[in-house]
């Protein structure tokens, strides 16, 4: 199949509350894959959000926008969301010759898909991302997740780590397949010019820039990267650290910067435009998100590592969660103990120390792997091959 061809015969019914123009890796994943996987015969049931009409006009799929409102005076407050998804799934499924039902998450979409699939007599595919399994620990939710995952004909896990979580829940091993999320390799690519962004931070040509991108939350490990900078400078590296993101830790990170002996080397940038994000990867010398578990909250995969890799940058990741699928330790980057400031500092130094050539070699391997294995077309083709087995 030509890389620009849309499979007009693919007739899937896709339930996903997260879908573009909503921001976030999961929303991008489903939009990028299903616009390549099918045409108007693939129906997307998703939330009505600002900018939806403009986005949907350009989509090759048939997109149905739902209100999906939650009401705090109803118990559970998500009950109307389940009901709206369920009724719309039955309506679209009965009126259109869809062959499979795909759910973007286990709750609410997966549970709805399994129950509607029984009535429509259609096979069900559910995506698993990892974080939902480790963080949704209320007994009622755990019971609902088990019903959905175990009732699906196929569960797509984003990493080996997530697959292990599914097996621990009792999902049949043969029903679990691994498909990693992808990246737009035309947008994120080597050779982009980030010099203007480096200049905006006042960096010298020889200065080294560590970049972190993600929600400002403790488990991302941005705090330890910031705290590593004085030690890295003491070891002879002219290094700066830039953080892109918004979130609950904004004040916490600002306080770390204020108390640092080198605040001029720490740059908290807030959000970045979609146009500028690839340029920020180009502007940096190393991407760092040394994640750690905070309670049950963990990193299931980490698409930002693949974005950095596609731009020709190596990464420092934490050893927690499923980041080992995104960063191959010692090959495309390093994984460290994200709970240890000393371990984070050592990993940063090893990748930034240009005298060894180790970081550059990791970057070259990361770039090659990202463009070979993680393009959206490659992800779509793996998805298509697996889903075809359910049609037999």
Protein backbone atom coordinates (compact mmCIF):
# COMPACT_ATOMS: atom_id res chain seq x y z
CA UNK A 1 0.00 0.00 0.00
CA UNK A 2 1.35 3.44 -0.94
CA UNK A 3 2.24 5.59 2.09
CA UNK A 4 -0.30 8.23 1.05
CA UNK A 5 -3.17 5.81 0.47
CA UNK A 6 -6.15 5.75 2.82
CA UNK A 7 -7.80 2.37 3.23
CA UNK A 8 -11.35 3.19 2.18
CA UNK A 9 -12.55 -0.31 3.11
CA UNK A 10 -11.51 -0.05 6.77
CA UNK A 11 -14.76 0.39 8.67
CA UNK A 12 -14.02 0.87 12.34
CA UNK A 13 -16.12 2.45 15.06
CA UNK A 14 -13.68 4.32 17.34
CA UNK A 15 -14.64 5.56 20.80
CA UNK A 16 -12.14 8.05 22.19
CA UNK A 17 -12.85 10.98 24.48
CA UNK A 18 -9.38 12.30 23.59
CA UNK A 19 -9.06 13.32 19.94
CA UNK A 20 -7.68 16.33 18.13
CA UNK A 21 -7.90 19.29 18.33
CA UNK A 22 -7.59 18.36 22.03
CA UNK A 23 -3.89 18.55 22.90
CA UNK A 24 -1.92 15.59 24.17
CA UNK A 25 -0.17 12.51 22.91
CA UNK A 26 -3.17 10.20 23.13
CA UNK A 27 -5.38 12.55 21.10
CA UNK A 28 -2.69 12.84 18.44
CA UNK A 29 -2.19 9.07 18.34
CA UNK A 30 -5.78 8.24 17.40
CA UNK A 31 -6.15 11.07 14.92
CA UNK A 32 -2.92 10.24 13.10
CA UNK A 33 -3.54 6.47 12.94
CA UNK A 34 -7.22 6.39 11.97
CA UNK A 35 -6.97 9.11 9.33
CA UNK A 36 -4.45 6.83 7.63
CA UNK A 37 -6.25 3.60 8.45
CA UNK A 38 -9.66 4.39 7.03
CA UNK A 39 -11.82 6.87 5.16
CA UNK A 40 -15.41 7.99 5.75
CA UNK A 41 -16.39 4.42 6.61
CA UNK A 42 -14.45 4.74 9.87
CA UNK A 43 -16.56 6.55 12.46
CA UNK A 44 -15.00 8.44 15.38
CA UNK A 45 -17.12 9.10 18.49
CA UNK A 46 -15.43 11.80 20.56
CA UNK A 47 -15.88 14.92 22.68
CA UNK A 48 -17.10 18.21 21.29
CA UNK A 49 -14.34 20.74 22.00
CA UNK A 50 -13.42 24.23 20.75
CA UNK A 51 -12.04 24.08 17.22
CA UNK A 52 -13.67 20.72 16.48
CA UNK A 53 -15.64 21.85 13.43
CA UNK A 54 -12.55 23.21 11.67
CA UNK A 55 -10.58 20.05 12.44
CA UNK A 56 -13.35 17.69 11.32
CA UNK A 57 -13.75 19.37 7.93
CA UNK A 58 -10.25 18.20 7.07
CA UNK A 59 -10.60 14.69 8.49
CA UNK A 60 -11.10 11.79 6.07
CA UNK A 61 -13.06 9.97 8.79
CA UNK A 62 -16.68 10.54 9.83
CA UNK A 63 -16.42 12.30 13.19
CA UNK A 64 -19.35 12.42 15.62
CA UNK A 65 -18.99 15.01 18.40
CA UNK A 66 -20.68 14.31 21.73
CA UNK A 67 -21.28 16.59 24.74
CA UNK A 68 -19.85 14.06 27.24
CA UNK A 69 -20.73 16.21 30.25
CA UNK A 70 -20.17 15.12 33.83
CA UNK A 71 -22.52 16.27 36.58
CA UNK A 72 -21.29 16.40 40.21
CA UNK A 73 -24.81 15.84 41.60
CA UNK A 74 -25.11 12.48 39.82
CA UNK A 75 -23.42 9.40 41.30
CA UNK A 76 -21.29 8.41 39.61
CA UNK A 77 -20.88 11.79 37.92
CA UNK A 78 -19.58 10.09 34.76
CA UNK A 79 -22.81 8.11 34.28
CA UNK A 80 -24.15 10.49 31.57
CA UNK A 81 -20.87 10.08 29.66
CA UNK A 82 -21.21 6.29 29.68
CA UNK A 83 -24.85 6.52 28.62
CA UNK A 84 -24.19 8.97 25.77
CA UNK A 85 -21.27 6.89 24.48
CA UNK A 86 -23.33 3.68 24.71
CA UNK A 87 -26.41 4.98 22.91
CA UNK A 88 -24.37 6.64 20.16
CA UNK A 89 -22.26 3.51 19.70
CA UNK A 90 -25.38 1.41 19.19
CA UNK A 91 -26.91 3.97 16.82
CA UNK A 92 -23.82 4.29 14.62
CA UNK A 93 -23.09 0.57 14.79
CA UNK A 94 -26.57 -0.41 13.68
CA UNK A 95 -26.75 2.15 10.86
CA UNK A 96 -23.29 1.56 9.38
CA UNK A 97 -21.44 -1.59 8.29
CA UNK A 98 -18.59 -1.21 10.79
CA UNK A 99 -16.51 -4.34 11.30
CA UNK A 100 -14.84 -3.61 14.66
CA UNK A 101 -15.19 -1.35 17.70
CA UNK A 102 -12.04 0.31 19.01
CA UNK A 103 -11.79 2.08 22.38
CA UNK A 104 -9.13 4.68 23.12
CA UNK A 105 -9.06 3.95 26.87
CA UNK A 106 -10.49 1.36 29.20
CA UNK A 107 -12.89 3.76 30.97
CA UNK A 108 -15.33 4.94 29.91
CA UNK A 109 -14.77 3.95 26.30
CA UNK A 110 -13.59 0.36 26.76
CA UNK A 111 -16.40 -0.74 29.04
CA UNK A 112 -18.95 0.83 26.68
CA UNK A 113 -17.30 -0.87 23.70
CA UNK A 114 -17.39 -4.32 25.30
CA UNK A 115 -21.05 -4.09 26.29
CA UNK A 116 -22.12 -2.56 22.98
CA UNK A 117 -19.99 -5.06 21.08
CA UNK A 118 -21.98 -7.92 22.54
CA UNK A 119 -25.20 -6.44 21.19
CA UNK A 120 -23.73 -5.49 17.82
CA UNK A 121 -21.78 -8.75 17.57
CA UNK A 122 -18.58 -6.94 16.67
CA UNK A 123 -15.03 -7.64 17.95
CA UNK A 124 -13.62 -5.07 20.37
CA UNK A 125 -10.12 -3.57 20.64
CA UNK A 126 -9.08 -1.52 23.70
CA UNK A 127 -5.92 0.58 24.04
CA UNK A 128 -4.01 0.46 27.35
CA UNK A 129 -1.59 3.25 28.30
CA UNK A 130 -0.36 2.12 31.72
CA UNK A 131 -1.13 5.14 33.90
CA UNK A 132 -4.83 4.31 34.12
CA UNK A 133 -4.08 0.87 35.54
CA UNK A 134 -1.67 2.11 38.21
CA UNK A 135 -3.65 5.18 39.30
CA UNK A 136 -7.31 4.10 39.10
CA UNK A 137 -7.33 1.91 42.20
CA UNK A 138 -10.88 2.40 43.52
CA UNK A 139 -12.52 -1.05 43.79
CA UNK A 140 -15.42 -0.10 41.51
CA UNK A 141 -13.06 1.15 38.80
CA UNK A 142 -10.76 -1.84 39.10
CA UNK A 143 -13.74 -4.17 38.65
CA UNK A 144 -14.91 -2.21 35.60
CA UNK A 145 -11.42 -2.21 34.10
CA UNK A 146 -11.11 -5.97 34.49
CA UNK A 147 -14.49 -6.52 32.84
CA UNK A 148 -13.48 -4.33 29.89
CA UNK A 149 -9.95 -5.60 29.36
CA UNK A 150 -10.87 -9.26 29.85
CA UNK A 151 -13.96 -8.87 27.64
CA UNK A 152 -12.05 -7.36 24.71
CA UNK A 153 -10.93 -9.45 21.76
CA UNK A 154 -7.64 -7.55 21.63
CA UNK A 155 -5.87 -5.13 23.97
CA UNK A 156 -3.18 -2.88 22.51
CA UNK A 157 -0.52 -2.06 25.12
CA UNK A 158 1.87 0.84 24.57
CA UNK A 159 4.86 -0.96 26.16
CA UNK A 160 6.06 -4.20 27.75
CA UNK A 161 5.50 -2.55 31.12
CA UNK A 162 1.83 -1.96 30.34
CA UNK A 163 1.49 -5.50 29.00
CA UNK A 164 2.74 -6.81 32.34
CA UNK A 165 0.11 -4.76 34.17
CA UNK A 166 -2.59 -6.24 31.95
CA UNK A 167 -1.44 -9.80 32.56
CA UNK A 168 -1.47 -9.10 36.30
CA UNK A 169 -5.14 -8.13 35.92
CA UNK A 170 -5.93 -11.49 34.37
CA UNK A 171 -6.07 -10.57 30.67
CA UNK A 172 -5.38 -13.55 28.42
CA UNK A 173 -1.75 -13.24 27.19
CA UNK A 174 -2.69 -14.05 23.60
CA UNK A 175 -5.13 -11.12 23.55
CA UNK A 176 -2.46 -8.53 24.42
CA UNK A 177 -0.32 -7.01 21.65
CA UNK A 178 2.19 -4.18 21.85
CA UNK A 179 2.07 -1.15 19.58
CA UNK A 180 4.15 1.84 20.58
CA UNK A 181 2.79 5.33 19.86
CA UNK A 182 4.42 7.24 17.03
CA UNK A 183 5.64 10.64 15.92
CA UNK A 184 5.16 12.90 12.92
CA UNK A 185 8.55 12.35 11.30
CA UNK A 186 7.94 15.14 8.80
CA UNK A 187 7.36 17.67 11.56
CA UNK A 188 9.95 16.28 13.96
CA UNK A 189 13.08 15.76 11.92
CA UNK A 190 16.81 16.49 11.99
CA UNK A 191 18.26 19.59 10.41
CA UNK A 192 15.80 22.15 11.80
CA UNK A 193 17.22 25.52 12.81
CA UNK A 194 16.89 26.21 16.53
CA UNK A 195 19.50 28.98 16.63
CA UNK A 196 16.97 31.77 17.16
CA UNK A 197 15.51 29.99 20.20
CA UNK A 198 18.99 29.44 21.63
CA UNK A 199 19.72 33.12 21.15
CA UNK A 200 16.48 34.04 22.94
CA UNK A 201 17.91 32.37 26.06
CA UNK A 202 21.21 34.23 25.75
CA UNK A 203 23.22 31.07 25.08
CA UNK A 204 26.73 31.22 23.67
CA UNK A 205 27.42 29.07 20.59
CA UNK A 206 29.43 26.64 22.72
CA UNK A 207 26.82 26.41 25.51
CA UNK A 208 24.96 23.15 26.07
CA UNK A 209 21.17 23.13 26.45
CA UNK A 210 19.17 20.46 28.25
CA UNK A 211 15.50 20.49 27.27
CA UNK A 212 12.55 19.07 29.22
CA UNK A 213 9.01 18.96 27.82
CA UNK A 214 5.90 17.75 29.61
CA UNK A 215 3.33 18.43 32.25
CA UNK A 216 4.87 20.08 35.28
CA UNK A 217 4.32 17.30 37.76
CA UNK A 218 6.72 15.72 40.24
CA UNK A 219 6.99 12.35 38.51
CA UNK A 220 8.56 13.89 35.40
CA UNK A 221 11.78 14.58 37.32
CA UNK A 222 12.34 18.10 36.03
CA UNK A 223 13.21 19.26 39.53
CA UNK A 224 16.26 17.00 39.72
CA UNK A 225 17.48 18.16 36.31
CA UNK A 226 17.29 21.77 37.50
CA UNK A 227 19.15 20.89 40.68
CA UNK A 228 21.85 19.09 38.65
CA UNK A 229 22.92 22.18 36.74
CA UNK A 230 25.32 23.67 39.37
CA UNK A 231 27.14 20.34 39.70
CA UNK A 232 27.39 19.96 35.91
CA UNK A 233 28.89 23.46 35.69
CA UNK A 234 31.32 22.57 38.45
CA UNK A 235 32.40 19.58 36.33
CA UNK A 236 33.28 21.94 33.48
CA UNK A 237 30.11 21.97 31.37
CA UNK A 238 28.66 25.31 30.23
CA UNK A 239 25.09 24.06 30.55
CA UNK A 240 21.59 25.56 30.68
CA UNK A 241 18.24 23.88 31.30
CA UNK A 242 14.94 24.89 29.61
CA UNK A 243 11.57 23.50 30.72
CA UNK A 244 8.47 23.64 28.49
CA UNK A 245 5.14 22.79 30.07
CA UNK A 246 2.35 23.79 32.41
CA UNK A 247 0.98 22.09 35.47
CA UNK A 248 0.61 21.86 39.20
CA UNK A 249 4.36 22.04 39.90
CA UNK A 250 4.87 25.45 38.28
CA UNK A 251 5.33 27.25 41.62
CA UNK A 252 7.49 24.42 42.99
CA UNK A 253 9.88 24.63 40.03
CA UNK A 254 9.91 28.43 40.19
CA UNK A 255 10.97 28.16 43.84
CA UNK A 256 13.81 25.79 42.91
CA UNK A 257 14.99 28.32 40.35
CA UNK A 258 14.77 31.18 42.85
CA UNK A 259 16.85 29.25 45.42
CA UNK A 260 19.42 28.08 42.87
CA UNK A 261 22.85 29.63 42.83
CA UNK A 262 22.58 29.83 39.05
CA UNK A 263 19.04 30.99 38.23
CA UNK A 264 20.24 32.55 34.97
CA UNK A 265 20.91 29.03 33.67
CA UNK A 266 17.39 27.77 34.43
CA UNK A 267 14.63 28.75 32.00
CA UNK A 268 10.99 28.03 32.79
CA UNK A 269 9.28 28.77 29.48
CA UNK A 270 5.65 27.77 30.13
CA UNK A 271 3.91 26.51 27.01
CA UNK A 272 5.30 26.40 23.48
CA UNK A 273 3.45 26.62 20.18
CA UNK A 274 3.09 23.55 17.98
CA UNK A 275 5.27 25.31 15.41
CA UNK A 276 8.06 26.04 17.89
CA UNK A 277 8.22 22.67 19.64
CA UNK A 278 10.30 20.86 16.96
CA UNK A 279 12.61 23.89 16.88
CA UNK A 280 13.15 23.60 20.63
CA UNK A 281 14.28 20.00 20.17
CA UNK A 282 16.63 21.25 17.45
CA UNK A 283 17.91 23.96 19.79
CA UNK A 284 18.87 21.54 22.56
CA UNK A 285 21.80 19.19 22.98
CA UNK A 286 19.99 16.66 25.18
CA UNK A 287 16.42 15.86 26.14
CA UNK A 288 15.81 14.96 29.79
CA UNK A 289 12.77 13.58 31.57
CA UNK A 290 14.21 11.36 34.34
CA UNK A 291 10.81 10.17 35.47
CA UNK A 292 10.10 8.49 38.79
CA UNK A 293 7.05 6.90 40.36
CA UNK A 294 5.07 9.13 42.71
CA UNK A 295 2.73 6.84 44.60
CA UNK A 296 0.89 4.86 41.94
CA UNK A 297 1.47 7.50 39.26
CA UNK A 298 3.94 6.33 36.62
CA UNK A 299 5.05 6.95 33.03
CA UNK A 300 3.57 4.39 30.64
CA UNK A 301 5.77 5.18 27.63
CA UNK A 302 6.80 8.79 26.96
CA UNK A 303 6.16 10.08 23.43
CA UNK A 304 8.38 13.11 24.07
CA UNK A 305 11.46 10.88 23.97
CA UNK A 306 10.51 9.78 20.45
CA UNK A 307 9.89 13.38 19.36
CA UNK A 308 13.39 14.26 20.56
CA UNK A 309 14.86 11.19 18.86
CA UNK A 310 13.19 12.05 15.55
CA UNK A 311 14.94 15.43 15.73
CA UNK A 312 18.27 13.70 16.26
CA UNK A 313 18.54 14.11 20.03
CA UNK A 314 19.35 11.53 22.68
CA UNK A 315 17.45 11.37 25.97
CA UNK A 316 17.85 10.74 29.68
CA UNK A 317 14.87 8.84 31.07
CA UNK A 318 14.08 7.37 34.46
CA UNK A 319 14.06 3.65 35.11
CA UNK A 320 10.44 3.68 36.34
CA UNK A 321 7.42 2.68 34.26
CA UNK A 322 7.50 1.88 30.57
CA UNK A 323 10.13 4.35 29.35
CA UNK A 324 12.46 1.49 28.41
CA UNK A 325 10.41 1.04 25.24
CA UNK A 326 11.05 4.66 24.22
CA UNK A 327 14.69 4.96 25.35
CA UNK A 328 16.94 1.94 24.85
CA UNK A 329 19.37 2.14 27.74
CA UNK A 330 22.94 2.54 26.53
CA UNK A 331 21.87 2.56 22.87
CA UNK A 332 19.56 5.49 22.12
CA UNK A 333 20.02 7.19 25.50
CA UNK A 334 20.25 6.37 29.17
CA UNK A 335 17.84 5.41 31.92
CA UNK A 336 18.72 6.39 35.48
CA UNK A 337 17.31 6.15 38.98
CA UNK A 338 14.89 9.06 38.88
CA UNK A 339 14.65 9.04 42.68
CA UNK A 340 18.34 9.91 43.00
CA UNK A 341 19.73 13.37 42.27
CA UNK A 342 23.23 11.87 42.01
CA UNK A 343 22.03 9.32 39.44
CA UNK A 344 20.30 12.01 37.38
CA UNK A 345 23.40 14.20 37.45
CA UNK A 346 25.65 11.32 36.44
CA UNK A 347 23.40 10.41 33.51
CA UNK A 348 23.29 13.98 32.28
CA UNK A 349 27.06 14.29 32.49
CA UNK A 350 27.65 11.03 30.63
CA UNK A 351 25.45 12.12 27.73
CA UNK A 352 26.70 15.72 27.62
CA UNK A 353 30.42 14.98 27.92
CA UNK A 354 31.40 15.43 24.30
CA UNK A 355 34.92 14.08 24.73
CA UNK A 356 33.66 10.47 24.75
CA UNK A 357 31.36 10.65 21.74
CA UNK A 358 28.84 8.51 23.62
CA UNK A 359 26.00 11.03 23.51
CA UNK A 360 26.46 11.66 19.80
CA UNK A 361 26.41 7.93 19.04
CA UNK A 362 23.20 7.52 21.08
CA UNK A 363 21.62 10.43 19.21
CA UNK A 364 22.41 8.90 15.82
CA UNK A 365 20.90 5.55 16.83
CA UNK A 366 17.86 7.26 18.35
CA UNK A 367 17.21 9.21 15.15
CA UNK A 368 17.49 6.15 12.93
CA UNK A 369 15.18 4.11 15.16
CA UNK A 370 12.56 6.86 15.42
CA UNK A 371 12.26 7.28 11.68
CA UNK A 372 12.30 3.53 11.02
CA UNK A 373 9.91 2.30 13.71
CA UNK A 374 7.86 5.23 14.98
CA UNK A 375 6.51 7.10 11.97
CA UNK A 376 2.72 7.28 12.05
CA UNK A 377 2.61 5.28 8.84
CA UNK A 378 4.59 2.47 10.49
CA UNK A 379 2.27 2.55 13.52
CA UNK A 380 -0.78 2.47 11.26
CA UNK A 381 0.57 -0.50 9.31
CA UNK A 382 1.18 -2.48 12.50
CA UNK A 383 -2.31 -1.59 13.72
CA UNK A 384 -3.85 -2.62 10.41
CA UNK A 385 -2.02 -5.96 10.35
CA UNK A 386 -3.23 -6.87 13.83
CA UNK A 387 -6.80 -5.72 13.24
CA UNK A 388 -7.06 -7.69 10.01
CA UNK A 389 -6.65 -10.86 12.08
CA UNK A 390 -9.92 -10.04 13.88
CA UNK A 391 -11.74 -9.79 10.55
CA UNK A 392 -10.86 -13.35 9.59
